[in-house]
Amino acid sequence: DRELAFKEAVVSTQSTGRCNLKYQPLLNNTNLSNRMAEVELPLTLSGIAPQITTADTVSPGPSDQIKQPAKLDAEVLEKIRSLAEQGHTKSQFKLGLHYVHQEEYNLALVWLKRAAEMGEMQAVFQLSIMHYDGIGTLPNLTKGVELLNEVVTNTDPVYQYLIPHAQYNLGMAAFMGYGMKQDDVVAEHYWLLAGKEGDPDGSVAAQSQLGMFYTRRDTKDPKKAFYWHYFAAENGSLESKGALGVMYYRGVGTSKDRELAFKCLCEASEGGSLFAQGNLVVYYYESRLFTRAAHCAWSVAQTSSLEDIATKTGCLMEYIKRGMALGCFYYGRCLQTGKGVQKNEPESQIYYKKAIEACSTTAAELHQKLKNDEL
C-alpha cells in the first residue's frame, strides 16, 4: 500500500534524520505553461515533449522521459530497411524511429504510420507527439489527442508501460485546453491515473505535476502536494527533490525539518538543479552562514546559459529562472551589506538587475522583503 509506505517513510525520516530519497535526473527538457501565476511555491507545468520509445532497446525506467536508441550503423540500418519494406512491423517502427532521430521527419512519418496501421502502439504514441507538437507536419492537436486515447485504451500487455505516459500527456492537454476543452478536473483525473499512487512504474512527470498542481491557489492542498513531490523525488524527479527541500524548510504540507530540507536541497543541487542551489543560498543566508551564502550565490549568479542547464538537467525553465534570481539577488544583498564578501554597493546593483532579468516575480518578492527589513 503506497499510502502506508508513505506514512512509514515519513516517520522513518523524521525519527532517523535521514532523507531516504533516490535521485535520478530527467533526460529531456520540457516546455512551460503560463497558467500558474499565483502560487506559494514555484510552480510550472511542462508541455508535451517528444518521447521516443522502443521495447527492443529501452526498458521503462523510473524516469518519465525515455532515452533515444543509439544511432544505427549502415549495415544494421540496411537490414532494418529491407525488413520494413517486406512489411515487418517492428522494423517499420525502428526505421521510423531512426528517421526521427536523424530529423528526417517526412520519412519518419511514412514508416511510423505504416507501423501504426499494423497495431504498433509505440508508433502510435510517437505519432501522437509529432502531430500534437507539429514535428514534421502541421500541428494537429485533435489528432494528437485522438492517438493518445488510442494508446490509453489499448489492452495489449506488451504496451501497458506506455499508458501512464499517454495519460500524463492527456492531462497536460486538458490542463492547457489544447486539443480538448480546458478542464482542471479532467487534467487531475488523468494525472492521478498516470501517477499510479506514486509507484515507480507510473509517470514520474505526472507525479511531479500533481505536486505542483496541489500548490496552486485554486487546487491548493499542501499535504497532497507533499505526498506527490515525495514520491516523484523518490522516483527520480530532480524538480520535486528541490521542491521537497523547500517544503521541509518552510513546513508546507509537513512539519518543518531543517536537516531534511538541507539534505534534499544539497542532493538536488548536486544533480544540477539551479532552483535547489538558489534555495540553498536562502538556507545559508537565513542560518547566518553568510560566507557560504555569498559563495553559493556567486556560483549561481555566474551561470552563463540557462538553456544549457535545462538541456543538461531536464529542469523546467521557470524553476531555473527562479533559482537564478535567488542567487543574483542574495549575492547583491551580500555585496551591499558586506556580509560574507567585501562590501561593494555599485556592484550589488548589477546583481539586483540580473535578478530582475532572470525572474521579475521572484525579484519583486525579495525586494518587498528587503523593504520590510526581512533580509
Foldseek 3Di string as FASTA:
>chain_A
DLVVVLVVQVVVCVVPVDQPADAAFAQFAFAWDPPFDDFPDDFTAGADDQAADDPVAWDDALALHTDQHDADDPVVLVVLVVVVVVPDLSSLQVNLSNCVVVLVNVSSVVSLVSSVVVPPLSSLLNVLSCQCVVRSHRRDLLSSLVSLVVLLPDDPPVSPLCNLSSLQNVLNCLCRVGNHHNDNVSSLVSLCVQCVQLDSSGHLSSLQNQLSVCRGPVNPDQLSNLSSLSSSRNSHYLVSLLVNLVCLCVVGNHGRDNSSSLVSLVVSVVLLQLLSLLVVLVSCVVVLVQLVSLVSLVVLLPDDDLVVSCNSRNDYLSSSLLSNLSSLQSNLVCQCVVGSHRHDNVVSVVSLVVSCVSPVVNSVVVVVCVVVVND
